[in-house]
N, C-alpha and C. Protein backbone atom coordinates (compact mmCIF):
# COMPACT_ATOMS: atom_id res chain seq x y z
N MET A 1 0.93 -1.33 0.06
CA MET A 1 0.18 -0.28 -0.14
C MET A 1 0.82 0.84 0.15
N LYS A 2 1.84 1.21 1.12
CA LYS A 2 2.90 2.38 0.82
C LYS A 2 3.66 2.60 -0.29
N ALA A 3 3.66 1.51 -1.29
CA ALA A 3 4.06 1.77 -2.46
C ALA A 3 3.63 2.28 -3.18
N ARG A 4 2.74 1.96 -3.10
CA ARG A 4 1.40 2.98 -4.27
C ARG A 4 1.37 4.40 -3.70
N TYR A 5 1.65 4.46 -2.81
CA TYR A 5 1.38 6.03 -2.17
C TYR A 5 2.29 6.87 -2.96
N LEU A 6 3.90 5.85 -2.62
CA LEU A 6 5.24 6.52 -3.42
C LEU A 6 5.06 6.55 -4.69
N LEU A 7 4.50 5.55 -5.35
CA LEU A 7 4.49 5.69 -6.72
C LEU A 7 3.05 7.13 -7.20
N CYS A 8 2.38 7.36 -6.73
CA CYS A 8 1.43 8.26 -6.94
C CYS A 8 2.02 9.88 -6.80
N ALA A 9 3.27 9.96 -5.82
CA ALA A 9 3.80 10.94 -5.39
C ALA A 9 4.71 11.22 -6.73
N LEU A 10 5.38 10.07 -7.06
CA LEU A 10 6.75 10.24 -7.86
C LEU A 10 5.67 10.82 -9.37
N VAL A 11 4.65 10.03 -9.86
CA VAL A 11 3.74 10.50 -11.09
C VAL A 11 2.74 11.45 -10.90
N LEU A 12 2.73 12.56 -10.21
CA LEU A 12 1.82 13.19 -9.61
C LEU A 12 1.48 13.99 -11.10
N THR A 13 2.10 14.41 -11.86
CA THR A 13 1.50 14.48 -13.34
C THR A 13 0.78 13.79 -14.63
N LEU A 14 0.31 12.43 -14.25
CA LEU A 14 0.65 11.64 -14.81
C LEU A 14 -1.05 10.77 -14.45
N PRO A 15 -1.89 10.36 -15.21
CA PRO A 15 -2.85 9.89 -14.63
C PRO A 15 -2.98 8.47 -14.48
N HIS A 16 -2.20 7.84 -13.60
CA HIS A 16 -1.89 6.45 -13.38
C HIS A 16 -2.58 5.35 -12.62
N PRO A 17 -2.78 4.60 -13.14
CA PRO A 17 -4.18 3.72 -12.59
C PRO A 17 -3.81 3.45 -11.34
N ALA A 18 -2.38 2.94 -10.63
CA ALA A 18 -2.24 2.86 -9.44
C ALA A 18 -2.53 4.20 -8.36
N CYS A 19 -2.71 5.39 -8.98
CA CYS A 19 -2.71 6.48 -8.34
C CYS A 19 -4.54 6.41 -7.97
N ALA A 20 -5.00 5.90 -9.29
CA ALA A 20 -6.67 6.28 -9.23
C ALA A 20 -7.33 5.42 -8.12
N GLN A 21 -6.65 4.21 -7.91
CA GLN A 21 -7.20 3.44 -6.76
C GLN A 21 -7.37 3.92 -5.08
N THR A 22 -6.27 5.09 -4.88
CA THR A 22 -6.01 5.16 -3.79
C THR A 22 -7.31 6.16 -3.30
N VAL A 23 -8.13 6.70 -3.99
CA VAL A 23 -9.24 7.31 -3.37
C VAL A 23 -10.87 6.07 -3.07
N THR A 24 -10.30 5.07 -3.64
CA THR A 24 -11.55 3.81 -3.22
C THR A 24 -11.14 3.61 -1.59
N GLY A 25 -12.56 3.64 -1.43
CA GLY A 25 -12.34 3.07 0.11
C GLY A 25 -13.56 3.53 0.72
N ASN A 26 -13.28 3.75 2.19
CA ASN A 26 -14.62 3.81 3.32
C ASN A 26 -14.50 5.39 4.01
N TRP A 27 -14.88 6.38 3.30
CA TRP A 27 -14.66 7.95 4.36
C TRP A 27 -15.51 8.30 4.98
N LEU A 28 -15.28 8.83 6.14
CA LEU A 28 -15.99 9.86 7.08
C LEU A 28 -16.31 11.14 6.48
N THR A 29 -17.33 11.63 6.52
CA THR A 29 -17.71 13.15 6.30
C THR A 29 -17.04 13.75 6.90
N ASP A 30 -16.79 15.11 6.44
CA ASP A 30 -16.00 16.44 7.46
C ASP A 30 -16.91 16.88 8.45
N ASP A 31 -18.17 16.29 8.35
CA ASP A 31 -19.15 16.74 9.58
C ASP A 31 -19.45 15.03 10.74
N LYS A 32 -18.76 14.41 10.36
CA LYS A 32 -18.77 13.19 11.13
C LYS A 32 -20.07 12.45 10.96
N SER A 33 -21.26 12.94 10.04
CA SER A 33 -22.57 12.33 9.76
C SER A 33 -22.75 11.14 9.01
N ALA A 34 -22.08 10.74 8.58
CA ALA A 34 -22.05 9.45 7.40
C ALA A 34 -21.02 8.95 7.05
N ILE A 35 -20.81 7.59 6.71
CA ILE A 35 -19.85 6.51 6.15
C ILE A 35 -20.23 6.57 4.58
N ILE A 36 -19.29 7.28 3.86
CA ILE A 36 -19.27 6.97 2.02
C ILE A 36 -18.63 5.95 1.77
N HIS A 37 -19.04 5.12 1.31
CA HIS A 37 -18.16 4.29 0.47
C HIS A 37 -17.93 4.75 -0.86
N VAL A 38 -16.60 4.94 -1.39
CA VAL A 38 -16.20 4.94 -3.11
C VAL A 38 -15.51 4.14 -3.33
N ALA A 39 -16.11 3.86 -4.92
CA ALA A 39 -16.11 2.60 -5.77
C ALA A 39 -16.10 2.96 -6.86
N MET A 40 -15.05 2.47 -7.66
CA MET A 40 -14.80 2.26 -9.47
C MET A 40 -16.12 1.64 -9.74
N ARG A 41 -17.11 2.23 -10.51
CA ARG A 41 -17.70 1.82 -11.82
C ARG A 41 -17.70 1.94 -13.06
N GLY A 42 -16.84 1.08 -13.93
CA GLY A 42 -16.73 0.95 -14.68
C GLY A 42 -15.22 2.13 -14.52
N THR A 43 -15.11 2.80 -15.50
CA THR A 43 -13.98 3.86 -15.75
C THR A 43 -14.59 4.86 -14.65
N ARG A 44 -15.30 5.20 -13.99
CA ARG A 44 -16.13 6.29 -13.39
C ARG A 44 -15.88 5.85 -11.62
N LEU A 45 -15.75 7.11 -10.61
CA LEU A 45 -16.07 7.11 -9.46
C LEU A 45 -17.16 7.55 -9.00
N TRP A 46 -17.71 6.24 -7.85
CA TRP A 46 -19.13 7.16 -7.24
C TRP A 46 -18.97 6.79 -5.75
N GLY A 47 -19.93 7.49 -4.61
CA GLY A 47 -19.45 7.26 -3.52
C GLY A 47 -20.92 7.12 -3.52
N THR A 48 -21.40 6.01 -2.12
CA THR A 48 -22.30 5.84 -1.72
C THR A 48 -22.45 5.88 -0.43
N ILE A 49 -23.47 6.41 0.29
CA ILE A 49 -23.34 6.16 1.86
C ILE A 49 -24.09 4.85 2.36
N THR A 50 -23.22 4.36 3.24
CA THR A 50 -23.16 2.94 3.76
C THR A 50 -23.84 3.33 5.29
N ARG A 51 -23.25 4.38 5.68
CA ARG A 51 -23.81 4.09 7.35
C ARG A 51 -24.19 5.93 7.56
N VAL A 52 -25.19 5.93 8.06
CA VAL A 52 -25.46 7.41 8.85
C VAL A 52 -25.10 7.46 10.21
N LEU A 53 -24.25 8.33 10.80
CA LEU A 53 -23.61 8.20 12.12
C LEU A 53 -24.55 9.57 13.04
N ASP A 54 -25.09 10.20 12.34
CA ASP A 54 -26.11 11.35 13.10
C ASP A 54 -27.26 10.92 13.09
N PRO A 55 -27.61 10.82 14.44
CA PRO A 55 -28.68 10.33 15.17
C PRO A 55 -29.96 11.30 14.72
N ALA A 56 -29.66 12.50 14.46
CA ALA A 56 -30.60 12.91 14.15
C ALA A 56 -30.78 13.61 12.59
N ALA A 57 -30.17 12.51 11.75
CA ALA A 57 -30.89 12.71 10.90
C ALA A 57 -31.86 11.84 10.17
N PRO A 58 -32.80 12.04 9.25
CA PRO A 58 -33.60 11.33 8.65
C PRO A 58 -33.18 10.35 8.14
N ALA A 59 -34.22 8.85 8.45
CA ALA A 59 -33.76 7.86 7.55
C ALA A 59 -33.70 7.77 6.12
N LYS A 60 -34.70 8.89 5.85
CA LYS A 60 -35.38 8.62 4.47
C LYS A 60 -34.40 10.12 3.40
N ASP A 61 -34.21 9.87 2.06
CA ASP A 61 -33.93 11.05 1.35
C ASP A 61 -34.72 12.30 1.16
N ILE A 62 -35.57 13.18 2.49
CA ILE A 62 -36.75 13.74 2.74
C ILE A 62 -36.48 14.97 1.91
N SER A 63 -35.25 15.53 2.14
CA SER A 63 -35.30 16.72 1.22
C SER A 63 -35.10 16.81 -0.21
N ASN A 64 -34.76 15.85 -1.01
CA ASN A 64 -34.69 15.33 -2.23
C ASN A 64 -35.60 16.33 -3.14
N PRO A 65 -35.32 17.17 -4.39
CA PRO A 65 -36.09 17.77 -4.95
C PRO A 65 -36.94 16.75 -6.10
N ASP A 66 -36.81 15.79 -6.29
CA ASP A 66 -37.62 14.81 -6.59
C ASP A 66 -38.22 14.05 -5.82
N PRO A 67 -39.53 14.71 -5.83
CA PRO A 67 -40.60 13.87 -5.10
C PRO A 67 -40.67 12.26 -4.79
N ALA A 68 -40.78 11.77 -5.71
CA ALA A 68 -40.43 10.20 -6.03
C ALA A 68 -39.40 9.67 -5.08
N ALA A 69 -38.33 10.50 -5.25
CA ALA A 69 -37.08 10.20 -4.28
C ALA A 69 -36.90 10.21 -2.83
N ARG A 70 -38.12 11.11 -2.52
CA ARG A 70 -37.81 11.59 -1.23
C ARG A 70 -38.54 10.33 0.31
N SER A 71 -38.81 9.33 -0.65
CA SER A 71 -39.16 7.89 0.35
C SER A 71 -37.62 6.88 0.60
N ARG A 72 -36.72 7.16 -0.67
CA ARG A 72 -36.00 6.23 -0.49
C ARG A 72 -34.68 6.24 0.64
N PRO A 73 -34.69 5.21 1.37
CA PRO A 73 -33.26 5.41 2.41
C PRO A 73 -32.44 5.88 2.13
N LEU A 74 -31.71 6.74 3.04
CA LEU A 74 -30.31 7.22 2.92
C LEU A 74 -29.23 6.73 2.74
N VAL A 75 -29.41 4.89 3.65
CA VAL A 75 -27.73 4.07 3.26
C VAL A 75 -28.27 4.03 1.84
N GLY A 76 -27.73 3.85 1.19
CA GLY A 76 -27.55 3.57 -0.04
C GLY A 76 -27.64 4.54 -1.30
N THR A 77 -27.95 5.76 -0.85
CA THR A 77 -27.87 6.67 -1.73
C THR A 77 -26.74 7.42 -2.19
N SER A 78 -26.67 7.74 -3.36
CA SER A 78 -25.07 8.10 -4.22
C SER A 78 -25.17 9.33 -3.90
N VAL A 79 -24.00 10.03 -3.24
CA VAL A 79 -23.56 11.40 -3.00
C VAL A 79 -22.40 11.86 -3.64
N LEU A 80 -21.30 10.77 -4.58
CA LEU A 80 -20.68 11.29 -5.11
C LEU A 80 -20.92 10.46 -6.43
N ILE A 81 -21.32 11.41 -7.72
CA ILE A 81 -21.73 10.80 -8.80
C ILE A 81 -20.76 11.29 -10.20
N ASP A 82 -20.48 9.90 -10.63
CA ASP A 82 -20.10 10.01 -11.93
C ASP A 82 -18.70 10.69 -12.16
N PHE A 83 -18.08 10.88 -11.54
CA PHE A 83 -16.48 11.31 -11.31
C PHE A 83 -15.34 10.76 -12.50
N THR A 84 -14.80 11.44 -13.52
CA THR A 84 -13.81 11.30 -14.47
C THR A 84 -12.30 11.38 -14.07
N ARG A 85 -11.44 10.60 -13.95
CA ARG A 85 -9.92 10.56 -13.77
C ARG A 85 -9.48 11.89 -14.55
N SER A 86 -8.62 12.87 -13.60
CA SER A 86 -8.20 13.73 -14.06
C SER A 86 -6.39 14.03 -13.80
N VAL A 87 -5.51 14.90 -14.15
CA VAL A 87 -4.26 14.97 -13.85
C VAL A 87 -4.17 15.07 -12.17
N LYS A 88 -5.54 15.79 -11.92
CA LYS A 88 -5.13 16.62 -10.44
C LYS A 88 -6.04 15.53 -9.50
N GLY A 89 -6.46 14.78 -9.81
CA GLY A 89 -7.29 13.83 -9.16
C GLY A 89 -8.40 13.60 -9.60
N TRP A 90 -9.94 13.80 -9.57
CA TRP A 90 -11.26 13.57 -10.22
C TRP A 90 -12.17 14.74 -10.20
N ASP A 91 -12.52 14.72 -11.47
CA ASP A 91 -13.14 15.60 -12.10
C ASP A 91 -14.57 15.90 -12.64
N ASN A 92 -15.23 16.78 -13.28
CA ASN A 92 -16.65 16.33 -13.84
C ASN A 92 -17.58 15.36 -13.09
N GLY A 93 -17.87 15.47 -11.99
CA GLY A 93 -18.68 14.66 -11.17
C GLY A 93 -19.79 15.44 -10.65
N LYS A 94 -20.76 14.72 -10.11
CA LYS A 94 -21.56 15.90 -8.82
C LYS A 94 -21.35 15.11 -7.58
N ALA A 95 -21.97 16.41 -6.51
CA ALA A 95 -21.77 15.99 -5.29
C ALA A 95 -23.23 16.58 -4.85
N TYR A 96 -24.01 14.92 -3.97
CA TYR A 96 -25.18 14.99 -3.57
C TYR A 96 -25.00 15.34 -2.05
N ASP A 97 -25.73 16.69 -1.65
CA ASP A 97 -26.26 16.89 -0.32
C ASP A 97 -27.56 16.47 0.10
N PRO A 98 -27.63 15.58 0.66
CA PRO A 98 -28.85 15.22 0.93
C PRO A 98 -29.52 15.86 2.42
N LYS A 99 -28.96 16.92 2.82
CA LYS A 99 -29.50 17.84 3.75
C LYS A 99 -30.11 18.91 3.12
N ALA A 100 -29.38 19.40 2.36
CA ALA A 100 -29.84 20.51 1.68
C ALA A 100 -30.90 19.75 0.16
N GLY A 101 -30.92 18.54 -0.30
CA GLY A 101 -31.47 18.26 -0.87
C GLY A 101 -30.85 19.06 -2.46
N ARG A 102 -29.67 19.39 -2.60
CA ARG A 102 -29.00 19.71 -3.89
C ARG A 102 -27.90 19.37 -4.59
N SER A 103 -27.36 19.87 -5.59
CA SER A 103 -26.33 18.63 -6.38
C SER A 103 -25.23 19.75 -6.40
N TYR A 104 -24.10 19.67 -6.39
CA TYR A 104 -23.14 20.73 -6.78
C TYR A 104 -22.10 20.24 -7.90
N ARG A 105 -21.80 20.77 -9.04
CA ARG A 105 -20.61 20.57 -9.99
C ARG A 105 -19.21 20.22 -8.74
N SER A 106 -18.92 19.20 -9.07
CA SER A 106 -17.45 18.61 -7.87
C SER A 106 -16.43 18.20 -8.52
N SER A 107 -15.59 18.24 -7.48
CA SER A 107 -14.07 17.65 -7.59
C SER A 107 -13.54 16.88 -6.79
N LEU A 108 -12.96 16.07 -6.84
CA LEU A 108 -11.88 15.25 -5.46
C LEU A 108 -10.53 15.19 -5.99
N ALA A 109 -10.12 15.31 -4.78
CA ALA A 109 -8.77 15.33 -4.72
C ALA A 109 -8.08 14.56 -3.65
N LEU A 110 -6.94 13.89 -3.56
CA LEU A 110 -6.49 12.75 -2.58
C LEU A 110 -5.53 13.75 -2.08
N GLU A 111 -5.54 14.51 -0.96
CA GLU A 111 -4.63 15.78 -0.06
C GLU A 111 -3.49 15.12 0.29
N GLU A 112 -3.95 14.22 0.95
CA GLU A 112 -2.90 12.75 1.97
C GLU A 112 -3.23 11.41 1.80
N PRO A 113 -2.58 10.33 2.18
CA PRO A 113 -3.33 8.83 1.81
C PRO A 113 -4.54 9.31 2.80
N ASP A 114 -4.85 9.57 3.83
CA ASP A 114 -5.87 9.55 4.51
C ASP A 114 -6.85 10.61 4.38
N LYS A 115 -6.95 12.01 3.49
CA LYS A 115 -7.29 12.83 3.60
C LYS A 115 -7.95 13.49 2.18
N LEU A 116 -9.12 13.25 1.68
CA LEU A 116 -9.89 13.16 1.03
C LEU A 116 -10.40 15.11 0.68
N ALA A 117 -10.16 15.48 -0.05
CA ALA A 117 -10.81 17.16 -0.40
C ALA A 117 -11.81 16.50 -1.39
N VAL A 118 -13.14 17.01 -0.95
CA VAL A 118 -14.59 17.25 -1.75
C VAL A 118 -14.57 18.68 -1.93
N THR A 119 -14.95 19.13 -3.24
CA THR A 119 -15.06 20.67 -3.62
C THR A 119 -16.34 20.48 -4.86
N GLY A 120 -17.24 20.95 -4.10
CA GLY A 120 -18.50 21.42 -4.51
C GLY A 120 -18.73 22.77 -5.21
N CYS A 121 -19.12 22.96 -6.03
CA CYS A 121 -19.40 24.33 -6.57
C CYS A 121 -20.59 24.78 -7.17
N VAL A 122 -21.28 26.11 -7.00
CA VAL A 122 -22.26 26.44 -7.88
C VAL A 122 -21.69 27.89 -8.43
N LEU A 123 -21.86 27.99 -9.42
CA LEU A 123 -21.51 29.14 -10.49
C LEU A 123 -19.82 29.08 -10.36
N PHE A 124 -19.50 30.05 -9.61
CA PHE A 124 -17.83 30.21 -9.75
C PHE A 124 -17.63 30.18 -7.92
N ILE A 125 -18.68 29.90 -7.15
CA ILE A 125 -18.41 29.86 -5.75
C ILE A 125 -18.05 28.69 -5.62
N CYS A 126 -16.84 28.27 -4.72
CA CYS A 126 -16.48 27.06 -4.32
C CYS A 126 -16.31 26.56 -2.75
N GLN A 127 -16.82 25.39 -2.49
CA GLN A 127 -16.23 25.18 -0.85
C GLN A 127 -15.80 23.68 -0.97
N THR A 128 -14.47 23.12 -0.05
CA THR A 128 -14.10 22.40 0.13
C THR A 128 -14.17 21.55 1.49
N LYS A 129 -14.84 20.68 1.57
CA LYS A 129 -14.85 19.63 3.06
C LYS A 129 -13.84 18.56 2.83
N ILE A 130 -12.98 18.34 4.05
CA ILE A 130 -11.95 17.18 4.26
C ILE A 130 -12.65 15.81 4.65
N TRP A 131 -12.74 14.89 3.79
CA TRP A 131 -13.27 13.95 4.31
C TRP A 131 -11.78 12.73 4.55
N THR A 132 -12.35 11.89 6.07
CA THR A 132 -11.16 11.17 6.31
C THR A 132 -11.14 9.72 6.13
N ARG A 133 -10.27 8.98 5.54
CA ARG A 133 -10.29 7.14 5.72
C ARG A 133 -10.33 6.67 6.65
N GLN A 134 -11.36 5.76 6.53
CA GLN A 134 -11.93 4.66 7.57
C GLN A 134 -11.17 3.42 7.25
N GLY A 135 -11.01 2.71 8.01
CA GLY A 135 -10.77 1.07 7.87
C GLY A 135 -12.29 0.49 6.69
N ASP A 136 -11.65 -0.21 6.09
CA ASP A 136 -12.39 -0.50 4.95
C ASP A 136 -13.08 -1.95 5.92
């Protein structure tokens, strides 16, 4: 595992397959409200809620703008959607915030082996949250 991180450090400017896999796994959100499992779907990266940690959180996706989706459970909901590999990390994806019921243009970057920067943007205003890797 350490060799893969070293390889990534040496080839930061290249979209290397060994580096691409380092973001996969389980991540604790910045507000510690959920565990997100990040995995490849073909050549795209997706993240799905596997555990809700906030006892005050609703069990369903009640803030979803689609009324038909408001009855679906939060566990199993995709919150990182359709990211493509880039030189700097993962781009051209969407991040869905179930608390607000909004989706944002998003990118992901591995800041350290155990720190994932999740950046969401509306127009030209962007905000970055740092997620922490959890044991798989």
